């Protein structure tokens, strides 16, 4: 018995899924940074993406993320996680 693959349908889907997953950290960083309040600009300036990790490297990051600013009453993490959850739901539960 010989099996011949006429058309590989899974590889293109997996490649597209991989590309979409690789975009999530950059998109999450953009959302996190856009929700970071601006007063002096130090918080946004000191928020960076290192690999797939968002680094909020300033002493008052926890306070801002806790909603201490009127500019970001939900902080930065909640809107970021909402985006990531929506994106993952779309990717894994269907488009």
PDB file of N, CA and C in Angstrom:
ATOM      1  N   UNK A   1       0.847  -1.176   0.000  1.00  0.00           N
ATOM      2  CA  UNK A   1       0.000   0.000   0.000  1.00  0.00           C
ATOM      3  C   UNK A   1       0.890   1.235   0.000  1.00  0.00           C
ATOM      4  N   UNK A   2       0.563   2.178  -0.834  1.00  0.00           N
ATOM      5  CA  UNK A   2       1.326   3.409  -0.940  1.00  0.00           C
ATOM      6  C   UNK A   2       0.367   4.588  -0.768  1.00  0.00           C
ATOM      7  N   UNK A   3       0.799   5.542   0.058  1.00  0.00           N
ATOM      8  CA  UNK A   3      -0.020   6.741   0.284  1.00  0.00           C
ATOM      9  C   UNK A   3       0.700   7.919  -0.349  1.00  0.00           C
ATOM     10  N   UNK A   4      -0.030   8.664  -1.136  1.00  0.00           N
ATOM     11  CA  UNK A   4       0.528   9.840  -1.792  1.00  0.00           C
ATOM     12  C   UNK A   4      -0.240  11.072  -1.325  1.00  0.00           C
ATOM     13  N   UNK A   5       0.491  12.050  -0.867  1.00  0.00           N
ATOM     14  CA  UNK A   5      -0.145  13.305  -0.456  1.00  0.00           C
ATOM     15  C   UNK A   5      -0.340  14.147  -1.707  1.00  0.00           C
ATOM     16  N   UNK A   6      -1.588  14.402  -2.000  1.00  0.00           N
ATOM     17  CA  UNK A   6      -1.915  15.179  -3.184  1.00  0.00           C
ATOM     18  C   UNK A   6      -1.780  16.666  -2.890  1.00  0.00           C
ATOM     19  N   UNK A   7      -2.248  17.060  -1.713  1.00  0.00           N
ATOM     20  CA  UNK A   7      -2.188  18.471  -1.359  1.00  0.00           C
ATOM     21  C   UNK A   7      -2.065  18.588   0.151  1.00  0.00           C
ATOM     22  N   UNK A   8      -1.040  19.260   0.599  1.00  0.00           N
ATOM     23  CA  UNK A   8      -0.811  19.472   2.018  1.00  0.00           C
ATOM     24  C   UNK A   8      -1.607  20.697   2.444  1.00  0.00           C
ATOM     25  N   UNK A   9      -2.650  20.485   3.221  1.00  0.00           N
ATOM     26  CA  UNK A   9      -3.494  21.604   3.632  1.00  0.00           C
ATOM     27  C   UNK A   9      -3.141  22.151   5.007  1.00  0.00           C
ATOM     28  N   UNK A  10      -2.475  21.349   5.812  1.00  0.00           N
ATOM     29  CA  UNK A  10      -2.216  21.803   7.175  1.00  0.00           C
ATOM     30  C   UNK A  10      -0.998  22.724   7.275  1.00  0.00           C
ATOM     31  N   UNK A  11       0.016  22.500   6.470  1.00  0.00           N
ATOM     32  CA  UNK A  11       1.234  23.302   6.583  1.00  0.00           C
ATOM     33  C   UNK A  11       0.972  24.797   6.370  1.00  0.00           C
ATOM     34  N   UNK A  12       0.252  25.209   5.334  1.00  0.00           N
ATOM     35  CA  UNK A  12      -0.010  26.652   5.187  1.00  0.00           C
ATOM     36  C   UNK A  12      -0.783  27.225   6.382  1.00  0.00           C
ATOM     37  N   UNK A  13      -1.737  26.455   6.914  1.00  0.00           N
ATOM     38  CA  UNK A  13      -2.489  26.929   8.084  1.00  0.00           C
ATOM     39  C   UNK A  13      -1.585  27.071   9.299  1.00  0.00           C
ATOM     40  N   UNK A  14      -0.701  26.116   9.502  1.00  0.00           N
ATOM     41  CA  UNK A  14       0.232  26.199  10.625  1.00  0.00           C
ATOM     42  C   UNK A  14       1.212  27.357  10.467  1.00  0.00           C
ATOM     43  N   UNK A  15       1.647  27.598   9.255  1.00  0.00           N
ATOM     44  CA  UNK A  15       2.554  28.727   9.012  1.00  0.00           C
ATOM     45  C   UNK A  15       1.851  30.050   9.293  1.00  0.00           C
ATOM     46  N   UNK A  16       0.608  30.169   8.881  1.00  0.00           N
ATOM     47  CA  UNK A  16      -0.156  31.395   9.141  1.00  0.00           C
ATOM     48  C   UNK A  16      -0.384  31.569  10.639  1.00  0.00           C
ATOM     49  N   UNK A  17      -0.725  30.482  11.328  1.00  0.00           N
ATOM     50  CA  UNK A  17      -0.922  30.536  12.770  1.00  0.00           C
ATOM     51  C   UNK A  17       0.365  30.956  13.475  1.00  0.00           C
ATOM     52  N   UNK A  18       1.474  30.412  13.052  1.00  0.00           N
ATOM     53  CA  UNK A  18       2.772  30.765  13.632  1.00  0.00           C
ATOM     54  C   UNK A  18       3.069  32.248  13.433  1.00  0.00           C
ATOM     55  N   UNK A  19       2.831  32.757  12.236  1.00  0.00           N
ATOM     56  CA  UNK A  19       3.046  34.192  11.967  1.00  0.00           C
ATOM     57  C   UNK A  19       2.163  35.047  12.868  1.00  0.00           C
ATOM     58  N   UNK A  20       0.892  34.654  12.998  1.00  0.00           N
ATOM     59  CA  UNK A  20      -0.031  35.419  13.838  1.00  0.00           C
ATOM     60  C   UNK A  20       0.396  35.393  15.307  1.00  0.00           C
ATOM     61  N   UNK A  21       0.840  34.252  15.784  1.00  0.00           N
ATOM     62  CA  UNK A  21       1.297  34.147  17.171  1.00  0.00           C
ATOM     63  C   UNK A  21       2.548  34.984  17.410  1.00  0.00           C
ATOM     64  N   UNK A  22       3.427  35.046  16.436  1.00  0.00           N
ATOM     65  CA  UNK A  22       4.658  35.822  16.584  1.00  0.00           C
ATOM     66  C   UNK A  22       4.387  37.328  16.624  1.00  0.00           C
ATOM     67  N   UNK A  23       3.251  37.757  16.117  1.00  0.00           N
ATOM     68  CA  UNK A  23       2.900  39.185  16.132  1.00  0.00           C
ATOM     69  C   UNK A  23       2.330  39.636  17.476  1.00  0.00           C
ATOM     70  N   UNK A  24       1.867  38.707  18.289  1.00  0.00           N
ATOM     71  CA  UNK A  24       1.173  39.066  19.531  1.00  0.00           C
ATOM     72  C   UNK A  24       2.033  39.894  20.481  1.00  0.00           C
ATOM     73  N   UNK A  25       3.291  39.530  20.755  1.00  0.00           N
ATOM     74  CA  UNK A  25       4.062  40.362  21.694  1.00  0.00           C
ATOM     75  C   UNK A  25       4.191  41.823  21.239  1.00  0.00           C
ATOM     76  N   UNK A  26       4.458  42.047  19.973  1.00  0.00           N
ATOM     77  CA  UNK A  26       4.592  43.430  19.469  1.00  0.00           C
ATOM     78  C   UNK A  26       3.259  44.174  19.569  1.00  0.00           C
ATOM     79  N   UNK A  27       2.170  43.513  19.207  1.00  0.00           N
ATOM     80  CA  UNK A  27       0.851  44.147  19.310  1.00  0.00           C
ATOM     81  C   UNK A  27       0.486  44.420  20.767  1.00  0.00           C
ATOM     82  N   UNK A  28       0.801  43.476  21.655  1.00  0.00           N
ATOM     83  CA  UNK A  28       0.527  43.669  23.082  1.00  0.00           C
ATOM     84  C   UNK A  28       1.345  44.846  23.626  1.00  0.00           C
ATOM     85  N   UNK A  29       2.597  44.939  23.194  1.00  0.00           N
ATOM     86  CA  UNK A  29       3.452  46.047  23.623  1.00  0.00           C
ATOM     87  C   UNK A  29       2.858  47.388  23.178  1.00  0.00           C
ATOM     88  N   UNK A  30       2.379  47.448  21.955  1.00  0.00           N
ATOM     89  CA  UNK A  30       1.786  48.699  21.455  1.00  0.00           C
ATOM     90  C   UNK A  30       0.577  49.103  22.289  1.00  0.00           C
ATOM     91  N   UNK A  31      -0.273  48.132  22.625  1.00  0.00           N
ATOM     92  CA  UNK A  31      -1.450  48.434  23.451  1.00  0.00           C
ATOM     93  C   UNK A  31      -1.027  48.860  24.855  1.00  0.00           C
ATOM     94  N   UNK A  32      -0.113  48.103  25.459  1.00  0.00           N
ATOM     95  CA  UNK A  32       0.372  48.428  26.811  1.00  0.00           C
ATOM     96  C   UNK A  32       0.923  49.850  26.830  1.00  0.00           C
ATOM     97  N   UNK A  33       1.765  50.140  25.875  1.00  0.00           N
ATOM     98  CA  UNK A  33       2.409  51.464  25.828  1.00  0.00           C
ATOM     99  C   UNK A  33       1.387  52.572  25.564  1.00  0.00           C
ATOM    100  N   UNK A  34       0.422  52.298  24.699  1.00  0.00           N
ATOM    101  CA  UNK A  34      -0.592  53.324  24.401  1.00  0.00           C
ATOM    102  C   UNK A  34      -1.483  53.606  25.609  1.00  0.00           C
ATOM    103  N   UNK A  35      -1.619  52.639  26.522  1.00  0.00           N
ATOM    104  CA  UNK A  35      -2.409  52.843  27.731  1.00  0.00           C
ATOM    105  C   UNK A  35      -1.573  53.365  28.897  1.00  0.00           C
ATOM    106  N   UNK A  36      -0.276  53.498  28.687  1.00  0.00           N
ATOM    107  CA  UNK A  36       0.591  54.049  29.727  1.00  0.00           C
ATOM    108  C   UNK A  36       0.372  55.559  29.785  1.00  0.00           C
ATOM    109  N   UNK A  37      -0.017  56.080  30.950  1.00  0.00           N
ATOM    110  CA  UNK A  37      -0.289  57.516  31.067  1.00  0.00           C
ATOM    111  C   UNK A  37       0.934  58.375  30.733  1.00  0.00           C
ATOM    112  N   UNK A  38       0.642  59.568  30.249  1.00  0.00           N
ATOM    113  CA  UNK A  38       1.713  60.517  29.928  1.00  0.00           C
ATOM    114  C   UNK A  38       1.599  61.705  30.869  1.00  0.00           C
ATOM    115  N   UNK A  39       2.662  61.981  31.561  1.00  0.00           N
ATOM    116  CA  UNK A  39       2.782  63.245  32.304  1.00  0.00           C
ATOM    117  C   UNK A  39       4.107  63.859  31.894  1.00  0.00           C
ATOM    118  N   UNK A  40       5.172  63.198  32.250  1.00  0.00           N
ATOM    119  CA  UNK A  40       6.487  63.688  31.829  1.00  0.00           C
ATOM    120  C   UNK A  40       6.998  62.890  30.632  1.00  0.00           C
ATOM    121  N   UNK A  41       6.354  61.737  30.372  1.00  0.00           N
ATOM    122  CA  UNK A  41       6.801  60.871  29.287  1.00  0.00           C
ATOM    123  C   UNK A  41       7.771  59.792  29.741  1.00  0.00           C
ATOM    124  N   UNK A  42       8.184  59.841  31.006  1.00  0.00           N
ATOM    125  CA  UNK A  42       9.171  58.874  31.510  1.00  0.00           C
ATOM    126  C   UNK A  42       8.635  57.451  31.498  1.00  0.00           C
ATOM    127  N   UNK A  43       7.363  57.271  31.833  1.00  0.00           N
ATOM    128  CA  UNK A  43       6.802  55.922  31.881  1.00  0.00           C
ATOM    129  C   UNK A  43       6.813  55.284  30.487  1.00  0.00           C
ATOM    130  N   UNK A  44       6.342  56.016  29.504  1.00  0.00           N
ATOM    131  CA  UNK A  44       6.345  55.463  28.136  1.00  0.00           C
ATOM    132  C   UNK A  44       7.767  55.260  27.625  1.00  0.00           C
ATOM    133  N   UNK A  45       8.612  56.180  27.936  1.00  0.00           N
ATOM    134  CA  UNK A  45      10.003  56.097  27.474  1.00  0.00           C
ATOM    135  C   UNK A  45      10.714  54.890  28.087  1.00  0.00           C
ATOM    136  N   UNK A  46      10.340  54.519  29.302  1.00  0.00           N
ATOM    137  CA  UNK A  46      10.986  53.409  30.002  1.00  0.00           C
ATOM    138  C   UNK A  46      10.203  52.104  29.911  1.00  0.00           C
ATOM    139  N   UNK A  47       9.239  52.051  29.002  1.00  0.00           N
ATOM    140  CA  UNK A  47       8.514  50.818  28.734  1.00  0.00           C
ATOM    141  C   UNK A  47       9.066  50.261  27.430  1.00  0.00           C
ATOM    142  N   UNK A  48       9.632  49.052  27.515  1.00  0.00           N
ATOM    143  CA  UNK A  48      10.270  48.464  26.342  1.00  0.00           C
ATOM    144  C   UNK A  48       9.802  47.017  26.159  1.00  0.00           C
ATOM    145  N   UNK A  49      10.048  46.507  24.980  1.00  0.00           N
ATOM    146  CA  UNK A  49       9.773  45.112  24.674  1.00  0.00           C
ATOM    147  C   UNK A  49      11.107  44.399  24.555  1.00  0.00           C
ATOM    148  N   UNK A  50      11.291  43.393  25.393  1.00  0.00           N
ATOM    149  CA  UNK A  50      12.530  42.606  25.375  1.00  0.00           C
ATOM    150  C   UNK A  50      12.143  41.180  25.024  1.00  0.00           C
ATOM    151  N   UNK A  51      12.340  40.811  23.778  1.00  0.00           N
ATOM    152  CA  UNK A  51      11.890  39.502  23.311  1.00  0.00           C
ATOM    153  C   UNK A  51      10.377  39.500  23.269  1.00  0.00           C
ATOM    154  N   UNK A  52       9.769  38.714  24.125  1.00  0.00           N
ATOM    155  CA  UNK A  52       8.308  38.700  24.216  1.00  0.00           C
ATOM    156  C   UNK A  52       7.833  39.212  25.573  1.00  0.00           C
ATOM    157  N   UNK A  53       8.714  39.936  26.288  1.00  0.00           N
ATOM    158  CA  UNK A  53       8.401  40.459  27.614  1.00  0.00           C
ATOM    159  C   UNK A  53       8.305  41.979  27.575  1.00  0.00           C
ATOM    160  N   UNK A  54       7.209  42.495  28.122  1.00  0.00           N
ATOM    161  CA  UNK A  54       7.060  43.942  28.255  1.00  0.00           C
ATOM    162  C   UNK A  54       7.712  44.338  29.571  1.00  0.00           C
ATOM    163  N   UNK A  55       8.668  45.247  29.497  1.00  0.00           N
ATOM    164  CA  UNK A  55       9.423  45.672  30.669  1.00  0.00           C
ATOM    165  C   UNK A  55       9.055  47.112  30.992  1.00  0.00           C
ATOM    166  N   UNK A  56       8.305  47.294  32.083  1.00  0.00           N
ATOM    167  CA  UNK A  56       7.949  48.626  32.573  1.00  0.00           C
ATOM    168  C   UNK A  56       8.970  48.968  33.643  1.00  0.00           C
ATOM    169  N   UNK A  57      10.071  49.570  33.218  1.00  0.00           N
ATOM    170  CA  UNK A  57      11.225  49.767  34.088  1.00  0.00           C
ATOM    171  C   UNK A  57      11.222  51.166  34.711  1.00  0.00           C
ATOM    172  N   UNK A  58      10.306  51.359  35.652  1.00  0.00           N
ATOM    173  CA  UNK A  58      10.245  52.604  36.422  1.00  0.00           C
ATOM    174  C   UNK A  58       9.545  52.304  37.738  1.00  0.00           C
ATOM    175  N   UNK A  59       9.895  53.050  38.754  1.00  0.00           N
ATOM    176  CA  UNK A  59       9.486  52.739  40.131  1.00  0.00           C
ATOM    177  C   UNK A  59       7.971  52.743  40.342  1.00  0.00           C
ATOM    178  N   UNK A  60       7.237  53.546  39.599  1.00  0.00           N
ATOM    179  CA  UNK A  60       5.804  53.700  39.847  1.00  0.00           C
ATOM    180  C   UNK A  60       4.944  52.904  38.858  1.00  0.00           C
ATOM    181  N   UNK A  61       5.532  51.923  38.192  1.00  0.00           N
ATOM    182  CA  UNK A  61       4.787  51.109  37.215  1.00  0.00           C
ATOM    183  C   UNK A  61       3.615  50.380  37.879  1.00  0.00           C
ATOM    184  N   UNK A  62       3.846  49.822  39.056  1.00  0.00           N
ATOM    185  CA  UNK A  62       2.782  49.083  39.742  1.00  0.00           C
ATOM    186  C   UNK A  62       1.628  50.019  40.104  1.00  0.00           C
ATOM    187  N   UNK A  63       1.949  51.213  40.556  1.00  0.00           N
ATOM    188  CA  UNK A  63       0.898  52.179  40.907  1.00  0.00           C
ATOM    189  C   UNK A  63       0.089  52.571  39.674  1.00  0.00           C
ATOM    190  N   UNK A  64       0.770  52.853  38.565  1.00  0.00           N
ATOM    191  CA  UNK A  64       0.051  53.203  37.334  1.00  0.00           C
ATOM    192  C   UNK A  64      -0.809  52.041  36.867  1.00  0.00           C
ATOM    193  N   UNK A  65      -0.263  50.834  36.929  1.00  0.00           N
ATOM    194  CA  UNK A  65      -1.021  49.675  36.481  1.00  0.00           C
ATOM    195  C   UNK A  65      -2.201  49.386  37.396  1.00  0.00           C
ATOM    196  N   UNK A  66      -2.120  49.843  38.621  1.00  0.00           N
ATOM    197  CA  UNK A  66      -3.225  49.684  39.561  1.00  0.00           C
ATOM    198  C   UNK A  66      -4.329  50.711  39.370  1.00  0.00           C
ATOM    199  N   UNK A  67      -4.155  51.630  38.429  1.00  0.00           N
ATOM    200  CA  UNK A  67      -5.199  52.605  38.139  1.00  0.00           C
ATOM    201  C   UNK A  67      -5.041  53.918  38.859  1.00  0.00           C
ATOM    202  N   UNK A  68      -3.825  54.251  39.306  1.00  0.00           N
ATOM    203  CA  UNK A  68      -3.619  55.492  40.059  1.00  0.00           C
ATOM    204  C   UNK A  68      -3.721  56.738  39.186  1.00  0.00           C
ATOM    205  N   UNK A  69      -3.741  56.577  37.887  1.00  0.00           N
ATOM    206  CA  UNK A  69      -3.824  57.724  36.989  1.00  0.00           C
ATOM    207  C   UNK A  69      -5.209  57.816  36.359  1.00  0.00           C
ATOM    208  N   UNK A  70      -5.732  59.032  36.296  1.00  0.00           N
ATOM    209  CA  UNK A  70      -7.017  59.234  35.621  1.00  0.00           C
ATOM    210  C   UNK A  70      -6.914  58.918  34.125  1.00  0.00           C
ATOM    211  N   UNK A  71      -5.716  59.009  33.578  1.00  0.00           N
ATOM    212  CA  UNK A  71      -5.522  58.723  32.148  1.00  0.00           C
ATOM    213  C   UNK A  71      -5.661  57.232  31.848  1.00  0.00           C
ATOM    214  N   UNK A  72      -5.415  56.386  32.833  1.00  0.00           N
ATOM    215  CA  UNK A  72      -5.509  54.938  32.645  1.00  0.00           C
ATOM    216  C   UNK A  72      -6.118  54.299  33.885  1.00  0.00           C
ATOM    217  N   UNK A  73      -7.424  54.514  34.112  1.00  0.00           N
ATOM    218  CA  UNK A  73      -8.045  53.977  35.323  1.00  0.00           C
ATOM    219  C   UNK A  73      -8.030  52.448  35.389  1.00  0.00           C
ATOM    220  N   UNK A  74      -7.920  51.782  34.249  1.00  0.00           N
ATOM    221  CA  UNK A  74      -7.832  50.317  34.228  1.00  0.00           C
ATOM    222  C   UNK A  74      -6.395  49.832  34.195  1.00  0.00           C
ATOM    223  N   UNK A  75      -5.456  50.753  34.289  1.00  0.00           N
ATOM    224  CA  UNK A  75      -4.051  50.390  34.203  1.00  0.00           C
ATOM    225  C   UNK A  75      -3.669  50.039  32.769  1.00  0.00           C
ATOM    226  N   UNK A  76      -2.568  49.328  32.618  1.00  0.00           N
ATOM    227  CA  UNK A  76      -2.082  48.974  31.285  1.00  0.00           C
ATOM    228  C   UNK A  76      -2.220  47.473  31.020  1.00  0.00           C
ATOM    229  N   UNK A  77      -2.141  46.674  32.070  1.00  0.00           N
ATOM    230  CA  UNK A  77      -2.167  45.229  31.895  1.00  0.00           C
ATOM    231  C   UNK A  77      -3.534  44.726  31.450  1.00  0.00           C
ATOM    232  N   UNK A  78      -4.608  45.226  32.047  1.00  0.00           N
ATOM    233  CA  UNK A  78      -5.945  44.733  31.714  1.00  0.00           C
ATOM    234  C   UNK A  78      -6.265  44.925  30.225  1.00  0.00           C
ATOM    235  N   UNK A  79      -6.114  46.114  29.663  1.00  0.00           N
ATOM    236  CA  UNK A  79      -6.401  46.252  28.229  1.00  0.00           C
ATOM    237  C   UNK A  79      -5.487  45.384  27.363  1.00  0.00           C
ATOM    238  N   UNK A  80      -4.254  45.202  27.820  1.00  0.00           N
ATOM    239  CA  UNK A  80      -3.310  44.373  27.063  1.00  0.00           C
ATOM    240  C   UNK A  80      -3.751  42.913  27.079  1.00  0.00           C
ATOM    241  N   UNK A  81      -4.108  42.413  28.252  1.00  0.00           N
ATOM    242  CA  UNK A  81      -4.578  41.028  28.354  1.00  0.00           C
ATOM    243  C   UNK A  81      -5.876  40.813  27.591  1.00  0.00           C
ATOM    244  N   UNK A  82      -6.750  41.819  27.595  1.00  0.00           N
ATOM    245  CA  UNK A  82      -7.987  41.717  26.816  1.00  0.00           C
ATOM    246  C   UNK A  82      -7.677  41.514  25.332  1.00  0.00           C
ATOM    247  N   UNK A  83      -6.721  42.282  24.826  1.00  0.00           N
ATOM    248  CA  UNK A  83      -6.318  42.137  23.421  1.00  0.00           C
ATOM    249  C   UNK A  83      -5.751  40.742  23.166  1.00  0.00           C
ATOM    250  N   UNK A  84      -4.862  40.289  24.028  1.00  0.00           N
ATOM    251  CA  UNK A  84      -4.235  38.977  23.840  1.00  0.00           C
ATOM    252  C   UNK A  84      -5.293  37.876  23.882  1.00  0.00           C
ATOM    253  N   UNK A  85      -6.211  37.946  24.825  1.00  0.00           N
ATOM    254  CA  UNK A  85      -7.276  36.928  24.911  1.00  0.00           C
ATOM    255  C   UNK A  85      -8.140  36.917  23.657  1.00  0.00           C
ATOM    256  N   UNK A  86      -8.534  38.100  23.190  1.00  0.00           N
ATOM    257  CA  UNK A  86      -9.344  38.171  21.966  1.00  0.00           C
ATOM    258  C   UNK A  86      -8.595  37.579  20.785  1.00  0.00           C
ATOM    259  N   UNK A  87      -7.327  37.920  20.673  1.00  0.00           N
ATOM    260  CA  UNK A  87      -6.510  37.423  19.563  1.00  0.00           C
ATOM    261  C   UNK A  87      -6.372  35.906  19.622  1.00  0.00           C
ATOM    262  N   UNK A  88      -6.088  35.367  20.800  1.00  0.00           N
ATOM    263  CA  UNK A  88      -5.942  33.916  20.945  1.00  0.00           C
ATOM    264  C   UNK A  88      -7.262  33.193  20.701  1.00  0.00           C
ATOM    265  N   UNK A  89      -8.362  33.766  21.193  1.00  0.00           N
ATOM    266  CA  UNK A  89      -9.675  33.166  20.925  1.00  0.00           C
ATOM    267  C   UNK A  89      -9.935  33.101  19.423  1.00  0.00           C
ATOM    268  N   UNK A  90      -9.625  34.168  18.735  1.00  0.00           N
ATOM    269  CA  UNK A  90      -9.841  34.203  17.289  1.00  0.00           C
ATOM    270  C   UNK A  90      -8.965  33.174  16.578  1.00  0.00           C
ATOM    271  N   UNK A  91      -7.725  33.058  17.004  1.00  0.00           N
ATOM    272  CA  UNK A  91      -6.799  32.139  16.347  1.00  0.00           C
ATOM    273  C   UNK A  91      -7.142  30.671  16.606  1.00  0.00           C
ATOM    274  N   UNK A  92      -7.555  30.358  17.832  1.00  0.00           N
ATOM    275  CA  UNK A  92      -7.751  28.962  18.192  1.00  0.00           C
ATOM    276  C   UNK A  92      -9.203  28.499  18.177  1.00  0.00           C
ATOM    277  N   UNK A  93     -10.124  29.440  18.186  1.00  0.00           N
ATOM    278  CA  UNK A  93     -11.543  29.046  18.150  1.00  0.00           C
ATOM    279  C   UNK A  93     -12.164  29.330  16.800  1.00  0.00           C
ATOM    280  N   UNK A  94     -11.381  29.820  15.897  1.00  0.00           N
ATOM    281  CA  UNK A  94     -11.895  30.107  14.567  1.00  0.00           C
ATOM    282  C   UNK A  94     -11.921  31.586  14.295  1.00  0.00           C
ATOM    283  N   UNK A  95     -11.891  31.913  13.049  1.00  0.00           N
ATOM    284  CA  UNK A  95     -11.814  33.319  12.652  1.00  0.00           C
ATOM    285  C   UNK A  95     -13.166  33.896  12.543  1.00  0.00           C
TER     286      UNK A  95
END
